[in-house]
PDB file of N, CA and C in Angstrom:
ATOM      1  N   SER A   1     -36.722   8.273 -59.752  1.00  0.00           N
ATOM      2  CA  SER A   1     -35.825   7.867 -58.682  1.00  0.00           C
ATOM      3  C   SER A   1     -35.678   6.336 -58.686  1.00  0.00           C
ATOM      4  N   LEU A   2     -34.455   5.891 -58.584  1.00  0.00           N
ATOM      5  CA  LEU A   2     -34.171   4.454 -58.610  1.00  0.00           C
ATOM      6  C   LEU A   2     -34.165   3.892 -57.196  1.00  0.00           C
ATOM      7  N   SER A   3     -34.642   2.665 -57.060  1.00  0.00           N
ATOM      8  CA  SER A   3     -34.619   2.035 -55.743  1.00  0.00           C
ATOM      9  C   SER A   3     -33.179   1.740 -55.330  1.00  0.00           C
ATOM     10  N   ALA A   4     -32.954   1.653 -54.048  1.00  0.00           N
ATOM     11  CA  ALA A   4     -31.608   1.366 -53.535  1.00  0.00           C
ATOM     12  C   ALA A   4     -31.114   0.018 -54.042  1.00  0.00           C
ATOM     13  N   GLU A   5     -31.989  -0.969 -54.114  1.00  0.00           N
ATOM     14  CA  GLU A   5     -31.601  -2.297 -54.589  1.00  0.00           C
ATOM     15  C   GLU A   5     -31.190  -2.247 -56.064  1.00  0.00           C
ATOM     16  N   PHE A   6     -31.969  -1.526 -56.876  1.00  0.00           N
ATOM     17  CA  PHE A   6     -31.647  -1.389 -58.292  1.00  0.00           C
ATOM     18  C   PHE A   6     -30.282  -0.720 -58.453  1.00  0.00           C
ATOM     19  N   LYS A   7     -30.027   0.351 -57.713  1.00  0.00           N
ATOM     20  CA  LYS A   7     -28.740   1.054 -57.783  1.00  0.00           C
ATOM     21  C   LYS A   7     -27.579   0.151 -57.390  1.00  0.00           C
ATOM     22  N   ARG A   8     -27.767  -0.672 -56.360  1.00  0.00           N
ATOM     23  CA  ARG A   8     -26.697  -1.572 -55.896  1.00  0.00           C
ATOM     24  C   ARG A   8     -26.312  -2.589 -56.964  1.00  0.00           C
ATOM     25  N   ASN A   9     -27.258  -2.974 -57.785  1.00  0.00           N
ATOM     26  CA  ASN A   9     -27.011  -4.003 -58.796  1.00  0.00           C
ATOM     27  C   ASN A   9     -26.391  -3.474 -60.087  1.00  0.00           C
ATOM     28  N   ILE A  10     -26.422  -2.167 -60.290  1.00  0.00           N
ATOM     29  CA  ILE A  10     -25.832  -1.579 -61.500  1.00  0.00           C
ATOM     30  C   ILE A  10     -24.316  -1.664 -61.385  1.00  0.00           C
ATOM     31  N   PRO A  11     -23.629  -2.241 -62.379  1.00  0.00           N
ATOM     32  CA  PRO A  11     -22.166  -2.313 -62.311  1.00  0.00           C
ATOM     33  C   PRO A  11     -21.555  -0.908 -62.338  1.00  0.00           C
ATOM     34  N   ALA A  12     -20.492  -0.728 -61.589  1.00  0.00           N
ATOM     35  CA  ALA A  12     -19.825   0.573 -61.528  1.00  0.00           C
ATOM     36  C   ALA A  12     -19.120   0.873 -62.846  1.00  0.00           C
ATOM     37  N   PHE A  13     -19.193   2.130 -63.260  1.00  0.00           N
ATOM     38  CA  PHE A  13     -18.493   2.580 -64.460  1.00  0.00           C
ATOM     39  C   PHE A  13     -18.353   4.091 -64.384  1.00  0.00           C
ATOM     40  N   GLU A  14     -17.457   4.621 -65.167  1.00  0.00           N
ATOM     41  CA  GLU A  14     -17.250   6.061 -65.213  1.00  0.00           C
ATOM     42  C   GLU A  14     -17.183   6.506 -66.666  1.00  0.00           C
ATOM     43  N   ILE A  15     -18.021   7.450 -67.015  1.00  0.00           N
ATOM     44  CA  ILE A  15     -18.007   8.006 -68.368  1.00  0.00           C
ATOM     45  C   ILE A  15     -16.943   9.095 -68.401  1.00  0.00           C
ATOM     46  N   SER A  16     -15.920   8.895 -69.233  1.00  0.00           N
ATOM     47  CA  SER A  16     -14.844   9.887 -69.323  1.00  0.00           C
ATOM     48  C   SER A  16     -15.061  10.873 -70.469  1.00  0.00           C
ATOM     49  N   SER A  17     -15.869  10.508 -71.454  1.00  0.00           N
ATOM     50  CA  SER A  17     -16.200  11.406 -72.562  1.00  0.00           C
ATOM     51  C   SER A  17     -17.649  11.207 -72.950  1.00  0.00           C
ATOM     52  N   HIS A  18     -18.293  12.294 -73.325  1.00  0.00           N
ATOM     53  CA  HIS A  18     -19.689  12.273 -73.741  1.00  0.00           C
ATOM     54  C   HIS A  18     -19.809  13.227 -74.915  1.00  0.00           C
ATOM     55  N   ILE A  19     -20.172  12.709 -76.065  1.00  0.00           N
ATOM     56  CA  ILE A  19     -20.334  13.547 -77.243  1.00  0.00           C
ATOM     57  C   ILE A  19     -21.738  13.342 -77.789  1.00  0.00           C
ATOM     58  N   TYR A  20     -22.489  14.437 -77.823  1.00  0.00           N
ATOM     59  CA  TYR A  20     -23.831  14.407 -78.390  1.00  0.00           C
ATOM     60  C   TYR A  20     -23.816  15.189 -79.694  1.00  0.00           C
ATOM     61  N   SER A  21     -24.534  14.685 -80.688  1.00  0.00           N
ATOM     62  CA  SER A  21     -24.692  15.344 -81.971  1.00  0.00           C
ATOM     63  C   SER A  21     -26.105  15.092 -82.461  1.00  0.00           C
ATOM     64  N   SER A  22     -26.613  15.996 -83.270  1.00  0.00           N
ATOM     65  CA  SER A  22     -27.920  15.748 -83.881  1.00  0.00           C
ATOM     66  C   SER A  22     -27.841  14.575 -84.863  1.00  0.00           C
ATOM     67  N   ASP A  23     -26.640  14.282 -85.341  1.00  0.00           N
ATOM     68  CA  ASP A  23     -26.389  13.121 -86.204  1.00  0.00           C
ATOM     69  C   ASP A  23     -26.107  11.918 -85.308  1.00  0.00           C
ATOM     70  N   LYS A  24     -27.017  10.943 -85.282  1.00  0.00           N
ATOM     71  CA  LYS A  24     -26.890   9.778 -84.395  1.00  0.00           C
ATOM     72  C   LYS A  24     -25.563   9.041 -84.557  1.00  0.00           C
ATOM     73  N   LYS A  25     -25.020   9.037 -85.774  1.00  0.00           N
ATOM     74  CA  LYS A  25     -23.772   8.308 -86.028  1.00  0.00           C
ATOM     75  C   LYS A  25     -22.574   8.937 -85.306  1.00  0.00           C
ATOM     76  N   LEU A  26     -22.695  10.195 -84.909  1.00  0.00           N
ATOM     77  CA  LEU A  26     -21.586  10.896 -84.266  1.00  0.00           C
ATOM     78  C   LEU A  26     -21.673  10.884 -82.738  1.00  0.00           C
ATOM     79  N   ARG A  27     -22.763  10.372 -82.194  1.00  0.00           N
ATOM     80  CA  ARG A  27     -22.926  10.315 -80.731  1.00  0.00           C
ATOM     81  C   ARG A  27     -22.079   9.186 -80.166  1.00  0.00           C
ATOM     82  N   LEU A  28     -21.398   9.470 -79.052  1.00  0.00           N
ATOM     83  CA  LEU A  28     -20.603   8.421 -78.407  1.00  0.00           C
ATOM     84  C   LEU A  28     -20.295   8.792 -76.971  1.00  0.00           C
ATOM     85  N   ILE A  29     -19.929   7.767 -76.212  1.00  0.00           N
ATOM     86  CA  ILE A  29     -19.369   7.963 -74.876  1.00  0.00           C
ATOM     87  C   ILE A  29     -18.123   7.097 -74.773  1.00  0.00           C
ATOM     88  N   LYS A  30     -17.273   7.431 -73.823  1.00  0.00           N
ATOM     89  CA  LYS A  30     -16.111   6.591 -73.535  1.00  0.00           C
ATOM     90  C   LYS A  30     -16.185   6.154 -72.079  1.00  0.00           C
ATOM     91  N   VAL A  31     -15.983   4.860 -71.880  1.00  0.00           N
ATOM     92  CA  VAL A  31     -15.948   4.254 -70.550  1.00  0.00           C
ATOM     93  C   VAL A  31     -14.711   3.378 -70.511  1.00  0.00           C
ATOM     94  N   ASP A  32     -13.843   3.599 -69.549  1.00  0.00           N
ATOM     95  CA  ASP A  32     -12.612   2.821 -69.424  1.00  0.00           C
ATOM     96  C   ASP A  32     -11.825   2.795 -70.740  1.00  0.00           C
ATOM     97  N   LYS A  33     -11.727   3.957 -71.386  1.00  0.00           N
ATOM     98  CA  LYS A  33     -10.975   4.149 -72.631  1.00  0.00           C
ATOM     99  C   LYS A  33     -11.558   3.402 -73.835  1.00  0.00           C
ATOM    100  N   ILE A  34     -12.783   2.912 -73.707  1.00  0.00           N
ATOM    101  CA  ILE A  34     -13.450   2.212 -74.804  1.00  0.00           C
ATOM    102  C   ILE A  34     -14.603   3.079 -75.295  1.00  0.00           C
ATOM    103  N   THR A  35     -14.740   3.205 -76.606  1.00  0.00           N
ATOM    104  CA  THR A  35     -15.797   4.011 -77.213  1.00  0.00           C
ATOM    105  C   THR A  35     -17.052   3.164 -77.393  1.00  0.00           C
ATOM    106  N   TYR A  36     -18.182   3.731 -76.985  1.00  0.00           N
ATOM    107  CA  TYR A  36     -19.469   3.049 -77.109  1.00  0.00           C
ATOM    108  C   TYR A  36     -20.452   3.944 -77.860  1.00  0.00           C
ATOM    109  N   TYR A  37     -21.284   3.304 -78.663  1.00  0.00           N
ATOM    110  CA  TYR A  37     -22.320   3.985 -79.423  1.00  0.00           C
ATOM    111  C   TYR A  37     -23.681   3.473 -78.974  1.00  0.00           C
ATOM    112  N   GLU A  38     -24.730   4.180 -79.351  1.00  0.00           N
ATOM    113  CA  GLU A  38     -26.079   3.758 -78.994  1.00  0.00           C
ATOM    114  C   GLU A  38     -26.309   2.311 -79.431  1.00  0.00           C
ATOM    115  N   GLY A  39     -26.831   1.508 -78.531  1.00  0.00           N
ATOM    116  CA  GLY A  39     -27.095   0.092 -78.810  1.00  0.00           C
ATOM    117  C   GLY A  39     -26.021  -0.845 -78.296  1.00  0.00           C
ATOM    118  N   ASP A  40     -24.856  -0.299 -77.913  1.00  0.00           N
ATOM    119  CA  ASP A  40     -23.762  -1.129 -77.395  1.00  0.00           C
ATOM    120  C   ASP A  40     -23.999  -1.500 -75.931  1.00  0.00           C
ATOM    121  N   TYR A  41     -23.399  -2.609 -75.529  1.00  0.00           N
ATOM    122  CA  TYR A  41     -23.404  -3.013 -74.121  1.00  0.00           C
ATOM    123  C   TYR A  41     -22.129  -2.504 -73.469  1.00  0.00           C
ATOM    124  N   ILE A  42     -22.287  -1.725 -72.390  1.00  0.00           N
ATOM    125  CA  ILE A  42     -21.149  -1.188 -71.655  1.00  0.00           C
ATOM    126  C   ILE A  42     -20.586  -2.265 -70.730  1.00  0.00           C
ATOM    127  N   LYS A  43     -21.472  -2.945 -70.070  1.00  0.00           N
ATOM    128  CA  LYS A  43     -21.152  -4.068 -69.176  1.00  0.00           C
ATOM    129  C   LYS A  43     -22.220  -5.125 -69.430  1.00  0.00           C
ATOM    130  N   GLN A  44     -22.013  -6.305 -68.858  1.00  0.00           N
ATOM    131  CA  GLN A  44     -23.018  -7.347 -69.021  1.00  0.00           C
ATOM    132  C   GLN A  44     -24.358  -6.841 -68.492  1.00  0.00           C
ATOM    133  N   ASP A  45     -25.380  -6.968 -69.293  1.00  0.00           N
ATOM    134  CA  ASP A  45     -26.743  -6.552 -68.947  1.00  0.00           C
ATOM    135  C   ASP A  45     -26.917  -5.038 -68.800  1.00  0.00           C
ATOM    136  N   LEU A  46     -25.940  -4.234 -69.212  1.00  0.00           N
ATOM    137  CA  LEU A  46     -26.048  -2.771 -69.145  1.00  0.00           C
ATOM    138  C   LEU A  46     -25.872  -2.215 -70.554  1.00  0.00           C
ATOM    139  N   LYS A  47     -27.000  -1.839 -71.155  1.00  0.00           N
ATOM    140  CA  LYS A  47     -27.016  -1.416 -72.556  1.00  0.00           C
ATOM    141  C   LYS A  47     -27.185   0.094 -72.671  1.00  0.00           C
ATOM    142  N   LEU A  48     -26.400   0.683 -73.541  1.00  0.00           N
ATOM    143  CA  LEU A  48     -26.506   2.106 -73.854  1.00  0.00           C
ATOM    144  C   LEU A  48     -27.622   2.271 -74.880  1.00  0.00           C
ATOM    145  N   GLU A  49     -28.783   2.678 -74.410  1.00  0.00           N
ATOM    146  CA  GLU A  49     -29.936   2.822 -75.290  1.00  0.00           C
ATOM    147  C   GLU A  49     -29.855   4.096 -76.128  1.00  0.00           C
ATOM    148  N   ARG A  50     -29.550   5.217 -75.462  1.00  0.00           N
ATOM    149  CA  ARG A  50     -29.569   6.493 -76.159  1.00  0.00           C
ATOM    150  C   ARG A  50     -28.600   7.469 -75.508  1.00  0.00           C
ATOM    151  N   ILE A  51     -27.993   8.297 -76.319  1.00  0.00           N
ATOM    152  CA  ILE A  51     -27.142   9.377 -75.844  1.00  0.00           C
ATOM    153  C   ILE A  51     -27.923  10.669 -76.056  1.00  0.00           C
ATOM    154  N   THR A  52     -28.108  11.424 -74.988  1.00  0.00           N
ATOM    155  CA  THR A  52     -28.868  12.668 -75.052  1.00  0.00           C
ATOM    156  C   THR A  52     -27.928  13.848 -74.818  1.00  0.00           C
ATOM    157  N   LYS A  53     -28.453  15.048 -74.976  1.00  0.00           N
ATOM    158  CA  LYS A  53     -27.657  16.247 -74.710  1.00  0.00           C
ATOM    159  C   LYS A  53     -27.180  16.270 -73.261  1.00  0.00           C
ATOM    160  N   GLU A  54     -28.020  15.791 -72.351  1.00  0.00           N
ATOM    161  CA  GLU A  54     -27.736  15.860 -70.923  1.00  0.00           C
ATOM    162  C   GLU A  54     -26.953  14.665 -70.391  1.00  0.00           C
ATOM    163  N   GLY A  55     -27.001  13.542 -71.092  1.00  0.00           N
ATOM    164  CA  GLY A  55     -26.350  12.339 -70.584  1.00  0.00           C
ATOM    165  C   GLY A  55     -26.684  11.117 -71.410  1.00  0.00           C
ATOM    166  N   VAL A  56     -27.131  10.069 -70.718  1.00  0.00           N
ATOM    167  CA  VAL A  56     -27.427   8.814 -71.404  1.00  0.00           C
ATOM    168  C   VAL A  56     -28.691   8.180 -70.840  1.00  0.00           C
ATOM    169  N   ILE A  57     -29.291   7.306 -71.642  1.00  0.00           N
ATOM    170  CA  ILE A  57     -30.382   6.455 -71.185  1.00  0.00           C
ATOM    171  C   ILE A  57     -29.869   5.031 -71.304  1.00  0.00           C
ATOM    172  N   LEU A  58     -29.942   4.310 -70.211  1.00  0.00           N
ATOM    173  CA  LEU A  58     -29.396   2.958 -70.125  1.00  0.00           C
ATOM    174  C   LEU A  58     -30.496   1.956 -69.819  1.00  0.00           C
ATOM    175  N   ALA A  59     -30.306   0.734 -70.282  1.00  0.00           N
ATOM    176  CA  ALA A  59     -31.211  -0.371 -69.969  1.00  0.00           C
ATOM    177  C   ALA A  59     -30.453  -1.350 -69.089  1.00  0.00           C
ATOM    178  N   PHE A  60     -31.076  -1.710 -67.963  1.00  0.00           N
ATOM    179  CA  PHE A  60     -30.467  -2.664 -67.054  1.00  0.00           C
ATOM    180  C   PHE A  60     -31.574  -3.443 -66.364  1.00  0.00           C
ATOM    181  N   SER A  61     -31.427  -4.755 -66.367  1.00  0.00           N
ATOM    182  CA  SER A  61     -32.376  -5.610 -65.659  1.00  0.00           C
ATOM    183  C   SER A  61     -33.821  -5.298 -66.047  1.00  0.00           C
ATOM    184  N   GLU A  62     -34.044  -5.225 -67.354  1.00  0.00           N
ATOM    185  CA  GLU A  62     -35.375  -5.005 -67.903  1.00  0.00           C
ATOM    186  C   GLU A  62     -35.981  -3.656 -67.539  1.00  0.00           C
ATOM    187  N   GLY A  63     -35.152  -2.707 -67.128  1.00  0.00           N
ATOM    188  CA  GLY A  63     -35.639  -1.373 -66.818  1.00  0.00           C
ATOM    189  C   GLY A  63     -34.775  -0.322 -67.484  1.00  0.00           C
ATOM    190  N   LEU A  64     -35.384   0.815 -67.794  1.00  0.00           N
ATOM    191  CA  LEU A  64     -34.648   1.935 -68.366  1.00  0.00           C
ATOM    192  C   LEU A  64     -34.447   3.000 -67.295  1.00  0.00           C
ATOM    193  N   PHE A  65     -33.298   3.662 -67.341  1.00  0.00           N
ATOM    194  CA  PHE A  65     -33.067   4.799 -66.459  1.00  0.00           C
ATOM    195  C   PHE A  65     -32.153   5.780 -67.161  1.00  0.00           C
ATOM    196  N   SER A  66     -32.262   7.026 -66.760  1.00  0.00           N
ATOM    197  CA  SER A  66     -31.415   8.055 -67.359  1.00  0.00           C
ATOM    198  C   SER A  66     -30.338   8.454 -66.361  1.00  0.00           C
ATOM    199  N   LEU A  67     -29.254   8.922 -66.914  1.00  0.00           N
ATOM    200  CA  LEU A  67     -28.120   9.337 -66.100  1.00  0.00           C
ATOM    201  C   LEU A  67     -27.575  10.610 -66.722  1.00  0.00           C
ATOM    202  N   GLU A  68     -27.622  11.695 -65.958  1.00  0.00           N
ATOM    203  CA  GLU A  68     -27.016  12.927 -66.452  1.00  0.00           C
ATOM    204  C   GLU A  68     -25.518  12.771 -66.387  1.00  0.00           C
ATOM    205  N   ILE A  69     -24.825  13.384 -67.313  1.00  0.00           N
ATOM    206  CA  ILE A  69     -23.388  13.189 -67.412  1.00  0.00           C
ATOM    207  C   ILE A  69     -22.673  13.547 -66.113  1.00  0.00           C
ATOM    208  N   THR A  70     -23.111  14.561 -65.397  1.00  0.00           N
ATOM    209  CA  THR A  70     -22.465  14.911 -64.132  1.00  0.00           C
ATOM    210  C   THR A  70     -22.717  13.864 -63.064  1.00  0.00           C
ATOM    211  N   ASP A  71     -23.848  13.133 -63.137  1.00  0.00           N
ATOM    212  CA  ASP A  71     -24.126  12.062 -62.179  1.00  0.00           C
ATOM    213  C   ASP A  71     -23.179  10.895 -62.355  1.00  0.00           C
ATOM    214  N   SER A  72     -22.751  10.641 -63.578  1.00  0.00           N
ATOM    215  CA  SER A  72     -21.893   9.481 -63.841  1.00  0.00           C
ATOM    216  C   SER A  72     -20.549   9.601 -63.149  1.00  0.00           C
ATOM    217  N   TRP A  73     -20.145  10.822 -62.851  1.00  0.00           N
ATOM    218  CA  TRP A  73     -18.861  10.999 -62.157  1.00  0.00           C
ATOM    219  C   TRP A  73     -18.925  10.452 -60.741  1.00  0.00           C
ATOM    220  N   ASN A  74     -20.128  10.195 -60.246  1.00  0.00           N
ATOM    221  CA  ASN A  74     -20.291   9.708 -58.876  1.00  0.00           C
ATOM    222  C   ASN A  74     -20.574   8.226 -58.784  1.00  0.00           C
ATOM    223  N   LEU A  75     -20.536   7.483 -59.892  1.00  0.00           N
ATOM    224  CA  LEU A  75     -20.806   6.035 -59.857  1.00  0.00           C
ATOM    225  C   LEU A  75     -19.557   5.267 -59.472  1.00  0.00           C
TER     226      LEU A  75
END
C-alpha cells in the first residue's frame, strides 16, 4: 500500500495499451499514444522498470511500486 503523500506526487498518466510477452523485447505499454519499453522513463522521475502479466512495476522517487493494468485506468 502506498502512502497518500507518495500517491499525490506520482504524475498522472493513463496506460492505453499493455502487451506482455515471455520475450522481453516484445513487452510494451502505450501512454499518451507513445510506446514505452522496460527501462524507459514515462514521465520525469517515473521509470518503467518491468512489464508483468498483470501490469507494470514502476520506479518513482527512489521507490518501486506495482500497478495492475486495471488500476491504471483510475490514475
